[in-house]
Amino acid sequence: MPYLKVQTNKSLDADTQATFIKQVSAAVAAGLGKSENYVMVAIEPPVPMLFAGDDAPCAFLQLKSIGLAESQTTSLSESLCGLMETELGIPAKRSYIEFVNAPRAMWGWDRRTF
């Protein structure tokens, strides 16, 4: 049920994308204390983006999950921004993350809702 979408203006080769989505999937599962069996990750590079009027590498991440607690967002931000820096070379100060707590009835899977 956790879904992470990453949009960036940085061009990434296929190998970098494949490695990154595996690492970030594991980080989301660990950060939320949920099974990675339910984690979905999408990455959309390159998307035309500006941050602070500059087109240097930047990113917007959106993490949606059922039961996402405010108390989890600081450590998730640290982990996700860290991966953006180390794996994609995008400085943490050039990434925004939107955290969304999704109600169970508003999340469908396998012909039902959670």
N, C-alpha and C. Protein backbone atom coordinates (compact mmCIF):
# COMPACT_ATOMS: atom_id res chain seq x y z
N MET A 1 0.79 -1.20 0.00
CA MET A 1 0.00 0.00 0.00
C MET A 1 0.83 1.27 0.00
N PRO A 2 2.07 1.28 0.50
CA PRO A 2 2.87 2.49 0.33
C PRO A 2 3.21 2.70 -1.14
N TYR A 3 3.11 3.95 -1.58
CA TYR A 3 3.46 4.32 -2.95
C TYR A 3 4.36 5.54 -2.90
N LEU A 4 5.52 5.41 -3.52
CA LEU A 4 6.45 6.53 -3.61
C LEU A 4 6.63 6.89 -5.07
N LYS A 5 6.35 8.15 -5.40
CA LYS A 5 6.59 8.67 -6.74
C LYS A 5 7.71 9.69 -6.66
N VAL A 6 8.70 9.52 -7.52
CA VAL A 6 9.85 10.42 -7.56
C VAL A 6 9.88 11.09 -8.92
N GLN A 7 9.83 12.40 -8.92
CA GLN A 7 9.98 13.17 -10.15
C GLN A 7 11.27 13.98 -10.03
N THR A 8 12.06 13.98 -11.08
CA THR A 8 13.30 14.73 -11.08
C THR A 8 13.58 15.28 -12.47
N ASN A 9 14.34 16.35 -12.50
CA ASN A 9 14.75 16.92 -13.78
C ASN A 9 16.09 16.35 -14.25
N LYS A 10 16.64 15.44 -13.48
CA LYS A 10 17.93 14.85 -13.82
C LYS A 10 17.73 13.62 -14.70
N SER A 11 18.47 13.55 -15.80
CA SER A 11 18.44 12.36 -16.65
C SER A 11 19.16 11.22 -15.94
N LEU A 12 18.55 10.04 -15.96
CA LEU A 12 19.12 8.87 -15.29
C LEU A 12 19.14 7.70 -16.26
N ASP A 13 20.25 6.98 -16.30
CA ASP A 13 20.29 5.81 -17.17
C ASP A 13 19.49 4.67 -16.53
N ALA A 14 19.20 3.66 -17.30
CA ALA A 14 18.34 2.57 -16.86
C ALA A 14 18.91 1.83 -15.65
N ASP A 15 20.22 1.62 -15.63
CA ASP A 15 20.83 0.92 -14.50
C ASP A 15 20.70 1.72 -13.21
N THR A 16 20.92 3.02 -13.29
CA THR A 16 20.78 3.88 -12.11
C THR A 16 19.35 3.85 -11.61
N GLN A 17 18.39 3.94 -12.52
CA GLN A 17 16.98 3.90 -12.12
C GLN A 17 16.64 2.58 -11.43
N ALA A 18 17.08 1.48 -12.01
CA ALA A 18 16.77 0.16 -11.46
C ALA A 18 17.37 -0.02 -10.07
N THR A 19 18.59 0.40 -9.90
CA THR A 19 19.25 0.29 -8.59
C THR A 19 18.56 1.19 -7.58
N PHE A 20 18.27 2.41 -7.98
CA PHE A 20 17.65 3.38 -7.08
C PHE A 20 16.28 2.92 -6.60
N ILE A 21 15.42 2.45 -7.50
CA ILE A 21 14.08 2.07 -7.06
C ILE A 21 14.12 0.88 -6.11
N LYS A 22 15.07 -0.01 -6.27
CA LYS A 22 15.21 -1.12 -5.32
C LYS A 22 15.63 -0.61 -3.94
N GLN A 23 16.60 0.30 -3.93
CA GLN A 23 17.07 0.84 -2.65
C GLN A 23 15.98 1.65 -1.95
N VAL A 24 15.28 2.46 -2.70
CA VAL A 24 14.28 3.32 -2.10
C VAL A 24 13.05 2.51 -1.67
N SER A 25 12.74 1.43 -2.37
CA SER A 25 11.65 0.55 -1.97
C SER A 25 11.94 -0.07 -0.61
N ALA A 26 13.16 -0.55 -0.43
CA ALA A 26 13.56 -1.13 0.85
C ALA A 26 13.55 -0.08 1.96
N ALA A 27 13.97 1.14 1.63
CA ALA A 27 13.99 2.21 2.63
C ALA A 27 12.58 2.60 3.07
N VAL A 28 11.65 2.64 2.14
CA VAL A 28 10.25 2.96 2.48
C VAL A 28 9.67 1.88 3.38
N ALA A 29 9.89 0.62 3.01
CA ALA A 29 9.38 -0.48 3.83
C ALA A 29 9.95 -0.41 5.25
N ALA A 30 11.24 -0.21 5.35
CA ALA A 30 11.88 -0.14 6.67
C ALA A 30 11.38 1.07 7.46
N GLY A 31 11.27 2.21 6.79
CA GLY A 31 10.85 3.44 7.46
C GLY A 31 9.42 3.41 7.96
N LEU A 32 8.59 2.64 7.27
CA LEU A 32 7.18 2.52 7.65
C LEU A 32 6.91 1.28 8.50
N GLY A 33 7.89 0.39 8.58
CA GLY A 33 7.69 -0.85 9.31
C GLY A 33 6.67 -1.75 8.63
N LYS A 34 6.67 -1.73 7.28
CA LYS A 34 5.72 -2.53 6.50
C LYS A 34 6.48 -3.47 5.58
N SER A 35 5.81 -4.50 5.14
CA SER A 35 6.40 -5.46 4.23
C SER A 35 6.66 -4.80 2.87
N GLU A 36 7.82 -5.08 2.32
CA GLU A 36 8.14 -4.54 1.00
C GLU A 36 7.25 -5.16 -0.08
N ASN A 37 6.57 -6.25 0.25
CA ASN A 37 5.66 -6.89 -0.71
C ASN A 37 4.56 -5.96 -1.19
N TYR A 38 4.25 -4.92 -0.43
CA TYR A 38 3.18 -3.99 -0.78
C TYR A 38 3.69 -2.64 -1.28
N VAL A 39 4.99 -2.42 -1.26
CA VAL A 39 5.55 -1.12 -1.63
C VAL A 39 5.63 -0.99 -3.16
N MET A 40 5.17 0.14 -3.67
CA MET A 40 5.27 0.45 -5.10
C MET A 40 6.08 1.74 -5.24
N VAL A 41 7.00 1.74 -6.20
CA VAL A 41 7.85 2.92 -6.44
C VAL A 41 7.82 3.24 -7.93
N ALA A 42 7.68 4.51 -8.24
CA ALA A 42 7.76 4.98 -9.62
C ALA A 42 8.75 6.13 -9.69
N ILE A 43 9.50 6.18 -10.75
CA ILE A 43 10.42 7.30 -10.95
C ILE A 43 10.18 7.87 -12.34
N GLU A 44 10.13 9.19 -12.40
CA GLU A 44 9.85 9.88 -13.65
C GLU A 44 10.97 10.87 -13.97
N PRO A 45 12.02 10.41 -14.62
CA PRO A 45 13.04 11.36 -15.07
C PRO A 45 13.02 11.47 -16.59
N PRO A 46 13.49 12.45 -17.21
CA PRO A 46 13.57 13.79 -16.64
C PRO A 46 12.26 14.53 -16.86
N VAL A 47 11.88 15.28 -15.88
CA VAL A 47 10.69 16.13 -15.94
C VAL A 47 11.19 17.57 -15.88
N PRO A 48 10.74 18.46 -16.76
CA PRO A 48 11.17 19.85 -16.65
C PRO A 48 10.78 20.41 -15.28
N MET A 49 11.77 20.86 -14.52
CA MET A 49 11.53 21.38 -13.17
C MET A 49 12.50 22.51 -12.86
N LEU A 50 12.02 23.43 -12.05
CA LEU A 50 12.85 24.48 -11.47
C LEU A 50 12.69 24.44 -9.97
N PHE A 51 13.74 24.74 -9.24
CA PHE A 51 13.67 24.90 -7.79
C PHE A 51 14.43 26.17 -7.48
N ALA A 52 13.78 27.10 -6.83
CA ALA A 52 14.38 28.39 -6.50
C ALA A 52 14.87 29.11 -7.76
N GLY A 53 14.11 28.95 -8.85
CA GLY A 53 14.44 29.63 -10.09
C GLY A 53 15.63 29.05 -10.83
N ASP A 54 16.10 27.87 -10.42
CA ASP A 54 17.30 27.26 -10.98
C ASP A 54 16.96 25.85 -11.48
N ASP A 55 17.48 25.49 -12.65
CA ASP A 55 17.19 24.18 -13.19
C ASP A 55 18.26 23.14 -12.86
N ALA A 56 19.09 23.42 -11.86
CA ALA A 56 20.05 22.41 -11.37
C ALA A 56 19.26 21.21 -10.87
N PRO A 57 19.89 20.02 -10.76
CA PRO A 57 19.16 18.83 -10.34
C PRO A 57 18.32 19.06 -9.08
N CYS A 58 17.05 18.64 -9.17
CA CYS A 58 16.12 18.76 -8.05
C CYS A 58 15.11 17.62 -8.17
N ALA A 59 14.29 17.46 -7.12
CA ALA A 59 13.33 16.37 -7.13
C ALA A 59 12.12 16.69 -6.27
N PHE A 60 11.01 16.08 -6.64
CA PHE A 60 9.79 16.11 -5.83
C PHE A 60 9.39 14.67 -5.59
N LEU A 61 9.21 14.32 -4.32
CA LEU A 61 8.81 12.97 -3.95
C LEU A 61 7.45 13.05 -3.27
N GLN A 62 6.62 12.07 -3.55
CA GLN A 62 5.33 11.97 -2.88
C GLN A 62 5.22 10.56 -2.32
N LEU A 63 5.06 10.47 -1.00
CA LEU A 63 4.91 9.17 -0.34
C LEU A 63 3.51 9.09 0.25
N LYS A 64 2.74 8.12 -0.26
CA LYS A 64 1.38 7.88 0.24
C LYS A 64 1.38 6.52 0.91
N SER A 65 0.72 6.45 2.07
CA SER A 65 0.61 5.17 2.74
C SER A 65 -0.54 5.19 3.74
N ILE A 66 -1.16 4.06 3.92
CA ILE A 66 -2.17 3.91 4.96
C ILE A 66 -1.44 3.90 6.30
N GLY A 67 -1.94 4.69 7.24
CA GLY A 67 -1.35 4.71 8.57
C GLY A 67 -0.03 5.44 8.68
N LEU A 68 0.26 6.31 7.74
CA LEU A 68 1.50 7.09 7.80
C LEU A 68 1.38 8.12 8.92
N ALA A 69 2.20 7.94 9.94
CA ALA A 69 2.14 8.82 11.11
C ALA A 69 3.09 10.00 10.96
N GLU A 70 2.67 11.12 11.49
CA GLU A 70 3.53 12.32 11.47
C GLU A 70 4.87 12.03 12.14
N SER A 71 4.87 11.18 13.14
CA SER A 71 6.10 10.85 13.86
C SER A 71 7.11 10.11 12.98
N GLN A 72 6.68 9.57 11.85
CA GLN A 72 7.57 8.84 10.95
C GLN A 72 8.21 9.73 9.88
N THR A 73 7.67 10.91 9.68
CA THR A 73 8.09 11.70 8.53
C THR A 73 9.52 12.24 8.63
N THR A 74 9.98 12.57 9.81
CA THR A 74 11.34 13.10 9.94
C THR A 74 12.38 12.06 9.54
N SER A 75 12.25 10.84 10.05
CA SER A 75 13.23 9.81 9.70
C SER A 75 13.09 9.39 8.24
N LEU A 76 11.86 9.37 7.71
CA LEU A 76 11.68 9.06 6.30
C LEU A 76 12.30 10.14 5.42
N SER A 77 12.16 11.40 5.81
CA SER A 77 12.76 12.49 5.06
C SER A 77 14.28 12.35 5.05
N GLU A 78 14.84 12.03 6.19
CA GLU A 78 16.29 11.85 6.28
C GLU A 78 16.76 10.72 5.37
N SER A 79 16.06 9.60 5.42
CA SER A 79 16.42 8.44 4.61
C SER A 79 16.27 8.70 3.12
N LEU A 80 15.12 9.24 2.73
CA LEU A 80 14.85 9.46 1.31
C LEU A 80 15.76 10.55 0.73
N CYS A 81 15.93 11.63 1.46
CA CYS A 81 16.83 12.69 0.97
C CYS A 81 18.27 12.18 0.90
N GLY A 82 18.64 11.33 1.84
CA GLY A 82 19.97 10.74 1.82
C GLY A 82 20.20 9.90 0.56
N LEU A 83 19.20 9.10 0.20
CA LEU A 83 19.31 8.31 -1.02
C LEU A 83 19.34 9.19 -2.27
N MET A 84 18.57 10.27 -2.26
CA MET A 84 18.60 11.18 -3.40
C MET A 84 20.01 11.73 -3.60
N GLU A 85 20.67 12.07 -2.49
CA GLU A 85 22.03 12.62 -2.57
C GLU A 85 23.05 11.57 -2.98
N THR A 86 23.06 10.44 -2.26
CA THR A 86 24.12 9.46 -2.50
C THR A 86 23.95 8.70 -3.81
N GLU A 87 22.72 8.39 -4.18
CA GLU A 87 22.50 7.57 -5.36
C GLU A 87 22.25 8.36 -6.64
N LEU A 88 21.62 9.53 -6.51
CA LEU A 88 21.30 10.31 -7.71
C LEU A 88 22.06 11.63 -7.81
N GLY A 89 22.78 11.99 -6.76
CA GLY A 89 23.54 13.24 -6.79
C GLY A 89 22.68 14.48 -6.71
N ILE A 90 21.49 14.35 -6.13
CA ILE A 90 20.59 15.49 -5.98
C ILE A 90 20.67 15.95 -4.53
N PRO A 91 21.15 17.17 -4.27
CA PRO A 91 21.29 17.64 -2.90
C PRO A 91 19.97 17.61 -2.13
N ALA A 92 20.05 17.24 -0.86
CA ALA A 92 18.85 17.17 -0.02
C ALA A 92 18.11 18.51 0.00
N LYS A 93 18.86 19.60 -0.05
CA LYS A 93 18.21 20.92 -0.02
C LYS A 93 17.49 21.26 -1.32
N ARG A 94 17.58 20.36 -2.31
CA ARG A 94 16.88 20.57 -3.59
C ARG A 94 15.80 19.51 -3.83
N SER A 95 15.32 18.93 -2.73
CA SER A 95 14.24 17.94 -2.81
C SER A 95 13.12 18.32 -1.86
N TYR A 96 11.90 18.19 -2.32
CA TYR A 96 10.71 18.32 -1.48
C TYR A 96 10.06 16.94 -1.40
N ILE A 97 9.46 16.66 -0.25
CA ILE A 97 8.72 15.42 -0.07
C ILE A 97 7.34 15.76 0.48
N GLU A 98 6.31 15.23 -0.17
CA GLU A 98 4.96 15.36 0.35
C GLU A 98 4.58 14.01 0.96
N PHE A 99 4.19 14.02 2.22
CA PHE A 99 3.75 12.81 2.91
C PHE A 99 2.23 12.83 2.99
N VAL A 100 1.59 11.71 2.60
CA VAL A 100 0.14 11.63 2.58
C VAL A 100 -0.31 10.37 3.32
N ASN A 101 -1.15 10.55 4.32
CA ASN A 101 -1.74 9.43 5.04
C ASN A 101 -3.07 9.11 4.35
N ALA A 102 -3.13 7.95 3.72
CA ALA A 102 -4.33 7.57 2.96
C ALA A 102 -5.29 6.77 3.84
N PRO A 103 -6.56 7.15 3.86
CA PRO A 103 -7.55 6.36 4.59
C PRO A 103 -7.70 4.97 3.95
N ARG A 104 -7.88 3.94 4.77
CA ARG A 104 -8.00 2.56 4.28
C ARG A 104 -9.06 2.40 3.19
N ALA A 105 -10.20 3.02 3.39
CA ALA A 105 -11.30 2.88 2.44
C ALA A 105 -11.02 3.56 1.10
N MET A 106 -9.97 4.38 1.05
CA MET A 106 -9.64 5.11 -0.17
C MET A 106 -8.44 4.50 -0.89
N TRP A 107 -8.06 3.28 -0.52
CA TRP A 107 -6.91 2.61 -1.13
C TRP A 107 -7.36 1.24 -1.59
N GLY A 108 -7.41 1.03 -2.89
CA GLY A 108 -7.87 -0.24 -3.44
C GLY A 108 -6.73 -1.15 -3.83
N TRP A 109 -6.99 -2.45 -3.76
CA TRP A 109 -6.04 -3.47 -4.16
C TRP A 109 -6.76 -4.80 -4.28
N ASP A 110 -6.45 -5.55 -5.29
CA ASP A 110 -6.98 -6.90 -5.44
C ASP A 110 -8.50 -6.94 -5.39
N ARG A 111 -9.15 -6.00 -6.06
CA ARG A 111 -10.60 -5.90 -6.19
C ARG A 111 -11.31 -5.54 -4.89
N ARG A 112 -10.58 -4.97 -3.94
CA ARG A 112 -11.19 -4.55 -2.67
C ARG A 112 -10.41 -3.35 -2.14
N THR A 113 -10.77 -2.90 -0.98
CA THR A 113 -10.02 -1.84 -0.31
C THR A 113 -9.41 -2.42 0.96
N PHE A 114 -8.47 -1.68 1.50
CA PHE A 114 -7.83 -2.12 2.74
C PHE A 114 -8.70 -1.82 3.95
